[in-house]
């Protein structure tokens, strides 16, 4: 059964919804891209390693992967799905989100990466932009720097959905080294010619030329 189609089943059929909810809580996960370096937050708290629902955490540059616990074993059909965010200027894939459920596992895996360290799309994975209940724009889903963008939702048994967002920070304008040097040189020259010594030297230079 597919979690993103709202049709999951659980092996522990006698477990009450309250007991299951007590095992684990749904979360909001944000992948934050600052200058092509990723960071991850879970309900606003930075994630830097294993803890709570997070296991098998790995983060390197523009790629991150980890597992999220479900709190119970499931008989979800083994499946995977993905979302691509497209760079509007080039038409290439900029970011990619992937999650995968495995039958009889108590965790599901999550991957997110930036080009050129995009996670591999598993064979048979479904495009989440083609599944209406996900609420995503149709492909091509363009990257929008500065605003959190929903990239996927995992609908889980006895739990509120886990939701995943990508956010690309808008870089602050930076002066190039050449431009900065030119500006500093201009300031120095202006200060020199406006000083008494500078004006004196300027006159001396003009006198020497006569």
C-alpha atoms as a PDB file:
ATOM      1  CA  UNK A   1       0.000   0.000   0.000  1.00  0.00           C
ATOM      2  CA  UNK A   2       1.213   3.485  -0.823  1.00  0.00           C
ATOM      3  CA  UNK A   3       1.615   6.043   1.985  1.00  0.00           C
ATOM      4  CA  UNK A   4       1.181   8.978  -0.361  1.00  0.00           C
ATOM      5  CA  UNK A   5      -2.156   7.525  -1.566  1.00  0.00           C
ATOM      6  CA  UNK A   6      -3.523   7.303   1.984  1.00  0.00           C
ATOM      7  CA  UNK A   7      -3.857   3.520   1.844  1.00  0.00           C
ATOM      8  CA  UNK A   8      -1.401   2.160   4.459  1.00  0.00           C
ATOM      9  CA  UNK A   9      -1.979  -0.959   6.574  1.00  0.00           C
ATOM     10  CA  UNK A  10      -0.289  -2.029   9.802  1.00  0.00           C
ATOM     11  CA  UNK A  11       0.649  -5.499  11.043  1.00  0.00           C
ATOM     12  CA  UNK A  12      -0.333  -4.494  14.528  1.00  0.00           C
ATOM     13  CA  UNK A  13      -4.030  -4.327  13.755  1.00  0.00           C
ATOM     14  CA  UNK A  14      -4.973  -4.461  17.419  1.00  0.00           C
ATOM     15  CA  UNK A  15      -2.939  -1.332  18.262  1.00  0.00           C
ATOM     16  CA  UNK A  16      -5.057   1.674  19.067  1.00  0.00           C
ATOM     17  CA  UNK A  17      -4.502   4.954  17.280  1.00  0.00           C
ATOM     18  CA  UNK A  18      -3.584   6.624  20.560  1.00  0.00           C
ATOM     19  CA  UNK A  19      -0.912   4.066  21.370  1.00  0.00           C
ATOM     20  CA  UNK A  20       0.580   4.337  17.903  1.00  0.00           C
ATOM     21  CA  UNK A  21       0.656   8.124  18.033  1.00  0.00           C
ATOM     22  CA  UNK A  22       2.493   7.935  21.341  1.00  0.00           C
ATOM     23  CA  UNK A  23       5.290   5.941  19.670  1.00  0.00           C
ATOM     24  CA  UNK A  24       6.231   8.650  17.225  1.00  0.00           C
ATOM     25  CA  UNK A  25       5.049  12.044  16.032  1.00  0.00           C
ATOM     26  CA  UNK A  26       4.878  13.430  12.526  1.00  0.00           C
ATOM     27  CA  UNK A  27       7.345  16.166  11.728  1.00  0.00           C
ATOM     28  CA  UNK A  28       8.140  19.056   9.381  1.00  0.00           C
ATOM     29  CA  UNK A  29      11.557  18.672   7.770  1.00  0.00           C
ATOM     30  CA  UNK A  30      13.231  21.556   5.925  1.00  0.00           C
ATOM     31  CA  UNK A  31      16.278  21.229   3.668  1.00  0.00           C
ATOM     32  CA  UNK A  32      18.016  24.610   3.676  1.00  0.00           C
ATOM     33  CA  UNK A  33      20.482  25.473   0.899  1.00  0.00           C
ATOM     34  CA  UNK A  34      22.957  28.263   1.604  1.00  0.00           C
ATOM     35  CA  UNK A  35      25.648  28.660  -1.089  1.00  0.00           C
ATOM     36  CA  UNK A  36      25.216  25.014  -2.160  1.00  0.00           C
ATOM     37  CA  UNK A  37      25.750  23.721   1.378  1.00  0.00           C
ATOM     38  CA  UNK A  38      22.813  21.935   2.963  1.00  0.00           C
ATOM     39  CA  UNK A  39      21.499  22.003   6.487  1.00  0.00           C
ATOM     40  CA  UNK A  40      18.435  20.232   7.863  1.00  0.00           C
ATOM     41  CA  UNK A  41      15.896  21.209  10.484  1.00  0.00           C
ATOM     42  CA  UNK A  42      13.184  19.098  12.077  1.00  0.00           C
ATOM     43  CA  UNK A  43      10.370  21.198  13.519  1.00  0.00           C
ATOM     44  CA  UNK A  44      12.758  24.156  13.450  1.00  0.00           C
ATOM     45  CA  UNK A  45      15.557  22.368  15.336  1.00  0.00           C
ATOM     46  CA  UNK A  46      18.843  21.769  13.452  1.00  0.00           C
ATOM     47  CA  UNK A  47      19.575  18.104  12.745  1.00  0.00           C
ATOM     48  CA  UNK A  48      23.281  17.234  12.831  1.00  0.00           C
ATOM     49  CA  UNK A  49      23.177  13.526  13.656  1.00  0.00           C
ATOM     50  CA  UNK A  50      21.114  10.639  14.933  1.00  0.00           C
ATOM     51  CA  UNK A  51      18.485  11.272  17.585  1.00  0.00           C
ATOM     52  CA  UNK A  52      14.748  10.985  18.122  1.00  0.00           C
ATOM     53  CA  UNK A  53      13.152   9.674  14.939  1.00  0.00           C
ATOM     54  CA  UNK A  54      16.331  10.248  12.923  1.00  0.00           C
ATOM     55  CA  UNK A  55      18.788   7.390  12.339  1.00  0.00           C
ATOM     56  CA  UNK A  56      21.541   6.638   9.817  1.00  0.00           C
ATOM     57  CA  UNK A  57      22.096  10.369   9.324  1.00  0.00           C
ATOM     58  CA  UNK A  58      24.638  11.420   6.686  1.00  0.00           C
ATOM     59  CA  UNK A  59      25.357  14.974   5.522  1.00  0.00           C
ATOM     60  CA  UNK A  60      28.081  16.101   3.159  1.00  0.00           C
ATOM     61  CA  UNK A  61      28.063  19.398   1.282  1.00  0.00           C
ATOM     62  CA  UNK A  62      24.995  19.409  -0.934  1.00  0.00           C
ATOM     63  CA  UNK A  63      23.711  15.924  -0.068  1.00  0.00           C
ATOM     64  CA  UNK A  64      21.890  14.491   2.942  1.00  0.00           C
ATOM     65  CA  UNK A  65      20.275  11.148   3.731  1.00  0.00           C
ATOM     66  CA  UNK A  66      18.660   9.674   6.832  1.00  0.00           C
ATOM     67  CA  UNK A  67      15.931   7.313   8.053  1.00  0.00           C
ATOM     68  CA  UNK A  68      12.788   8.338   9.916  1.00  0.00           C
ATOM     69  CA  UNK A  69      11.238   5.888  12.349  1.00  0.00           C
ATOM     70  CA  UNK A  70       7.602   4.884  12.021  1.00  0.00           C
ATOM     71  CA  UNK A  71       7.326   3.356  15.504  1.00  0.00           C
ATOM     72  CA  UNK A  72       5.853   0.143  14.155  1.00  0.00           C
ATOM     73  CA  UNK A  73       6.449  -2.401  11.422  1.00  0.00           C
ATOM     74  CA  UNK A  74       4.364  -1.937   8.320  1.00  0.00           C
ATOM     75  CA  UNK A  75       3.268  -3.965   5.357  1.00  0.00           C
ATOM     76  CA  UNK A  76       3.551  -1.061   2.962  1.00  0.00           C
ATOM     77  CA  UNK A  77       4.426  -2.251  -0.498  1.00  0.00           C
ATOM     78  CA  UNK A  78       8.091  -1.504  -1.114  1.00  0.00           C
ATOM     79  CA  UNK A  79       8.012   1.741  -3.063  1.00  0.00           C
ATOM     80  CA  UNK A  80       9.858   4.955  -3.737  1.00  0.00           C
ATOM     81  CA  UNK A  81       9.017   8.421  -5.012  1.00  0.00           C
ATOM     82  CA  UNK A  82      10.796  11.636  -5.911  1.00  0.00           C
ATOM     83  CA  UNK A  83      10.416  15.334  -6.663  1.00  0.00           C
ATOM     84  CA  UNK A  84      12.666  17.359  -8.937  1.00  0.00           C
ATOM     85  CA  UNK A  85      13.042  21.133  -8.592  1.00  0.00           C
ATOM     86  CA  UNK A  86      13.997  22.717 -11.897  1.00  0.00           C
ATOM     87  CA  UNK A  87      16.361  25.659 -12.364  1.00  0.00           C
ATOM     88  CA  UNK A  88      14.260  28.132 -14.407  1.00  0.00           C
ATOM     89  CA  UNK A  89      17.339  29.656 -16.050  1.00  0.00           C
ATOM     90  CA  UNK A  90      18.830  26.422 -17.386  1.00  0.00           C
ATOM     91  CA  UNK A  91      15.992  23.910 -17.324  1.00  0.00           C
ATOM     92  CA  UNK A  92      18.231  21.456 -15.451  1.00  0.00           C
ATOM     93  CA  UNK A  93      17.358  19.683 -12.216  1.00  0.00           C
ATOM     94  CA  UNK A  94      18.569  21.878  -9.362  1.00  0.00           C
ATOM     95  CA  UNK A  95      17.373  19.907  -6.307  1.00  0.00           C
ATOM     96  CA  UNK A  96      15.952  16.413  -5.845  1.00  0.00           C
ATOM     97  CA  UNK A  97      13.972  14.837  -3.013  1.00  0.00           C
ATOM     98  CA  UNK A  98      13.581  11.048  -2.715  1.00  0.00           C
ATOM     99  CA  UNK A  99      11.884   8.846  -0.135  1.00  0.00           C
ATOM    100  CA  UNK A 100      11.503   5.092   0.013  1.00  0.00           C
ATOM    101  CA  UNK A 101       9.399   2.673   2.043  1.00  0.00           C
ATOM    102  CA  UNK A 102      10.450  -0.952   2.423  1.00  0.00           C
ATOM    103  CA  UNK A 103       8.021  -3.719   3.337  1.00  0.00           C
ATOM    104  CA  UNK A 104       8.186  -4.815   7.012  1.00  0.00           C
ATOM    105  CA  UNK A 105      10.540  -1.969   7.946  1.00  0.00           C
ATOM    106  CA  UNK A 106       9.970   0.306  10.938  1.00  0.00           C
ATOM    107  CA  UNK A 107      11.724   3.202   9.180  1.00  0.00           C
ATOM    108  CA  UNK A 108      11.598   4.884   5.805  1.00  0.00           C
ATOM    109  CA  UNK A 109      14.541   6.503   4.057  1.00  0.00           C
ATOM    110  CA  UNK A 110      14.866  10.104   2.919  1.00  0.00           C
ATOM    111  CA  UNK A 111      17.417  11.693   0.588  1.00  0.00           C
ATOM    112  CA  UNK A 112      17.854  15.233  -0.667  1.00  0.00           C
ATOM    113  CA  UNK A 113      20.587  16.665  -2.845  1.00  0.00           C
ATOM    114  CA  UNK A 114      21.707  19.621  -4.908  1.00  0.00           C
ATOM    115  CA  UNK A 115      23.108  19.403  -8.405  1.00  0.00           C
ATOM    116  CA  UNK A 116      25.679  17.859  -9.007  1.00  0.00           C
ATOM    117  CA  UNK A 117      25.158  15.597  -5.955  1.00  0.00           C
ATOM    118  CA  UNK A 118      21.565  14.636  -6.735  1.00  0.00           C
ATOM    119  CA  UNK A 119      20.293  11.397  -5.186  1.00  0.00           C
ATOM    120  CA  UNK A 120      19.732   8.550  -7.619  1.00  0.00           C
ATOM    121  CA  UNK A 121      16.102   7.901  -8.540  1.00  0.00           C
ATOM    122  CA  UNK A 122      15.342   4.272  -7.627  1.00  0.00           C
ATOM    123  CA  UNK A 123      13.946   2.027 -10.373  1.00  0.00           C
ATOM    124  CA  UNK A 124      10.166   2.318 -10.583  1.00  0.00           C
ATOM    125  CA  UNK A 125      10.005   5.447  -8.420  1.00  0.00           C
ATOM    126  CA  UNK A 126       6.974   7.636  -8.924  1.00  0.00           C
ATOM    127  CA  UNK A 127       7.075  11.366  -9.598  1.00  0.00           C
ATOM    128  CA  UNK A 128       5.276  13.045  -6.677  1.00  0.00           C
ATOM    129  CA  UNK A 129       4.241  15.968  -8.901  1.00  0.00           C
ATOM    130  CA  UNK A 130       1.926  13.537 -10.735  1.00  0.00           C
ATOM    131  CA  UNK A 131       0.030  12.522  -7.564  1.00  0.00           C
ATOM    132  CA  UNK A 132      -2.799  14.994  -6.843  1.00  0.00           C
ATOM    133  CA  UNK A 133      -2.971  14.355  -3.088  1.00  0.00           C
ATOM    134  CA  UNK A 134       0.606  15.649  -2.762  1.00  0.00           C
ATOM    135  CA  UNK A 135      -0.538  19.153  -3.712  1.00  0.00           C
ATOM    136  CA  UNK A 136       2.582  19.909  -5.755  1.00  0.00           C
ATOM    137  CA  UNK A 137       2.730  21.958  -8.958  1.00  0.00           C
ATOM    138  CA  UNK A 138       2.928  19.848 -12.115  1.00  0.00           C
ATOM    139  CA  UNK A 139       6.283  19.071 -13.671  1.00  0.00           C
ATOM    140  CA  UNK A 140       8.299  21.199 -14.377  1.00  0.00           C
ATOM    141  CA  UNK A 141       8.296  22.356 -10.762  1.00  0.00           C
ATOM    142  CA  UNK A 142      10.552  25.414 -10.783  1.00  0.00           C
ATOM    143  CA  UNK A 143      12.928  26.391  -8.004  1.00  0.00           C
ATOM    144  CA  UNK A 144      11.903  29.609  -6.241  1.00  0.00           C
ATOM    145  CA  UNK A 145      14.815  30.949  -4.152  1.00  0.00           C
ATOM    146  CA  UNK A 146      13.908  32.576  -0.873  1.00  0.00           C
ATOM    147  CA  UNK A 147      10.633  30.754  -0.205  1.00  0.00           C
ATOM    148  CA  UNK A 148      10.111  27.301   1.361  1.00  0.00           C
ATOM    149  CA  UNK A 149       8.792  24.903  -1.282  1.00  0.00           C
ATOM    150  CA  UNK A 150       6.889  21.730  -0.483  1.00  0.00           C
ATOM    151  CA  UNK A 151       8.690  18.787  -2.085  1.00  0.00           C
ATOM    152  CA  UNK A 152       6.777  15.858  -0.625  1.00  0.00           C
ATOM    153  CA  UNK A 153       4.443  14.473   2.016  1.00  0.00           C
ATOM    154  CA  UNK A 154       4.460  11.031   3.599  1.00  0.00           C
ATOM    155  CA  UNK A 155       0.985  10.021   4.740  1.00  0.00           C
ATOM    156  CA  UNK A 156       1.427   7.632   7.659  1.00  0.00           C
ATOM    157  CA  UNK A 157      -0.834   5.274   9.546  1.00  0.00           C
ATOM    158  CA  UNK A 158      -2.206   6.674  12.829  1.00  0.00           C
ATOM    159  CA  UNK A 159      -0.056   9.791  12.410  1.00  0.00           C
ATOM    160  CA  UNK A 160      -0.221  13.222  10.908  1.00  0.00           C
ATOM    161  CA  UNK A 161       1.748  13.383   7.649  1.00  0.00           C
ATOM    162  CA  UNK A 162       5.452  14.075   7.556  1.00  0.00           C
ATOM    163  CA  UNK A 163       6.023  17.076   5.303  1.00  0.00           C
ATOM    164  CA  UNK A 164       9.248  18.022   3.545  1.00  0.00           C
ATOM    165  CA  UNK A 165      10.291  21.452   2.298  1.00  0.00           C
ATOM    166  CA  UNK A 166      13.260  22.812   0.368  1.00  0.00           C
ATOM    167  CA  UNK A 167      14.472  26.357   0.831  1.00  0.00           C
ATOM    168  CA  UNK A 168      17.199  28.080  -1.153  1.00  0.00           C
ATOM    169  CA  UNK A 169      18.495  31.197   0.556  1.00  0.00           C
ATOM    170  CA  UNK A 170      18.866  34.264  -1.650  1.00  0.00           C
ATOM    171  CA  UNK A 171      22.568  35.213  -1.458  1.00  0.00           C
ATOM    172  CA  UNK A 172      23.444  38.740  -0.427  1.00  0.00           C
ATOM    173  CA  UNK A 173      25.121  40.790  -3.162  1.00  0.00           C
ATOM    174  CA  UNK A 174      28.886  40.452  -3.044  1.00  0.00           C
ATOM    175  CA  UNK A 175      31.513  42.776  -4.485  1.00  0.00           C
ATOM    176  CA  UNK A 176      34.113  41.136  -6.659  1.00  0.00           C
ATOM    177  CA  UNK A 177      37.749  41.485  -5.581  1.00  0.00           C
ATOM    178  CA  UNK A 178      38.569  43.651  -8.612  1.00  0.00           C
ATOM    179  CA  UNK A 179      35.611  45.963  -8.039  1.00  0.00           C
ATOM    180  CA  UNK A 180      36.396  46.248  -4.343  1.00  0.00           C
ATOM    181  CA  UNK A 181      40.049  47.090  -5.090  1.00  0.00           C
ATOM    182  CA  UNK A 182      38.984  49.731  -7.617  1.00  0.00           C
ATOM    183  CA  UNK A 183      36.640  51.352  -5.112  1.00  0.00           C
ATOM    184  CA  UNK A 184      39.299  51.378  -2.375  1.00  0.00           C
ATOM    185  CA  UNK A 185      41.886  52.853  -4.756  1.00  0.00           C
ATOM    186  CA  UNK A 186      39.459  55.590  -5.763  1.00  0.00           C
ATOM    187  CA  UNK A 187      38.762  56.452  -2.131  1.00  0.00           C
ATOM    188  CA  UNK A 188      42.496  56.617  -1.339  1.00  0.00           C
ATOM    189  CA  UNK A 189      43.253  58.871  -4.305  1.00  0.00           C
ATOM    190  CA  UNK A 190      40.351  61.159  -3.485  1.00  0.00           C
ATOM    191  CA  UNK A 191      41.460  61.436   0.145  1.00  0.00           C
ATOM    192  CA  UNK A 192      45.056  62.195  -0.918  1.00  0.00           C
ATOM    193  CA  UNK A 193      44.151  65.001  -3.328  1.00  0.00           C
ATOM    194  CA  UNK A 194      41.789  66.587  -0.816  1.00  0.00           C
ATOM    195  CA  UNK A 195      44.359  66.677   1.991  1.00  0.00           C
ATOM    196  CA  UNK A 196      46.629  69.773   2.438  1.00  0.00           C
ATOM    197  CA  UNK A 197      49.676  67.646   1.689  1.00  0.00           C
ATOM    198  CA  UNK A 198      48.021  66.178  -1.356  1.00  0.00           C
ATOM    199  CA  UNK A 199      47.134  69.589  -2.758  1.00  0.00           C
ATOM    200  CA  UNK A 200      50.677  70.792  -2.112  1.00  0.00           C
ATOM    201  CA  UNK A 201      52.157  67.834  -3.906  1.00  0.00           C
ATOM    202  CA  UNK A 202      49.706  68.336  -6.755  1.00  0.00           C
ATOM    203  CA  UNK A 203      50.870  71.960  -7.186  1.00  0.00           C
ATOM    204  CA  UNK A 204      54.493  70.880  -6.982  1.00  0.00           C
ATOM    205  CA  UNK A 205      53.885  68.357  -9.684  1.00  0.00           C
ATOM    206  CA  UNK A 206      52.232  70.987 -11.860  1.00  0.00           C
ATOM    207  CA  UNK A 207      55.119  73.389 -11.262  1.00  0.00           C
ATOM    208  CA  UNK A 208      57.611  70.685 -12.249  1.00  0.00           C
ATOM    209  CA  UNK A 209      55.810  70.149 -15.514  1.00  0.00           C
ATOM    210  CA  UNK A 210      56.114  73.864 -16.524  1.00  0.00           C
END
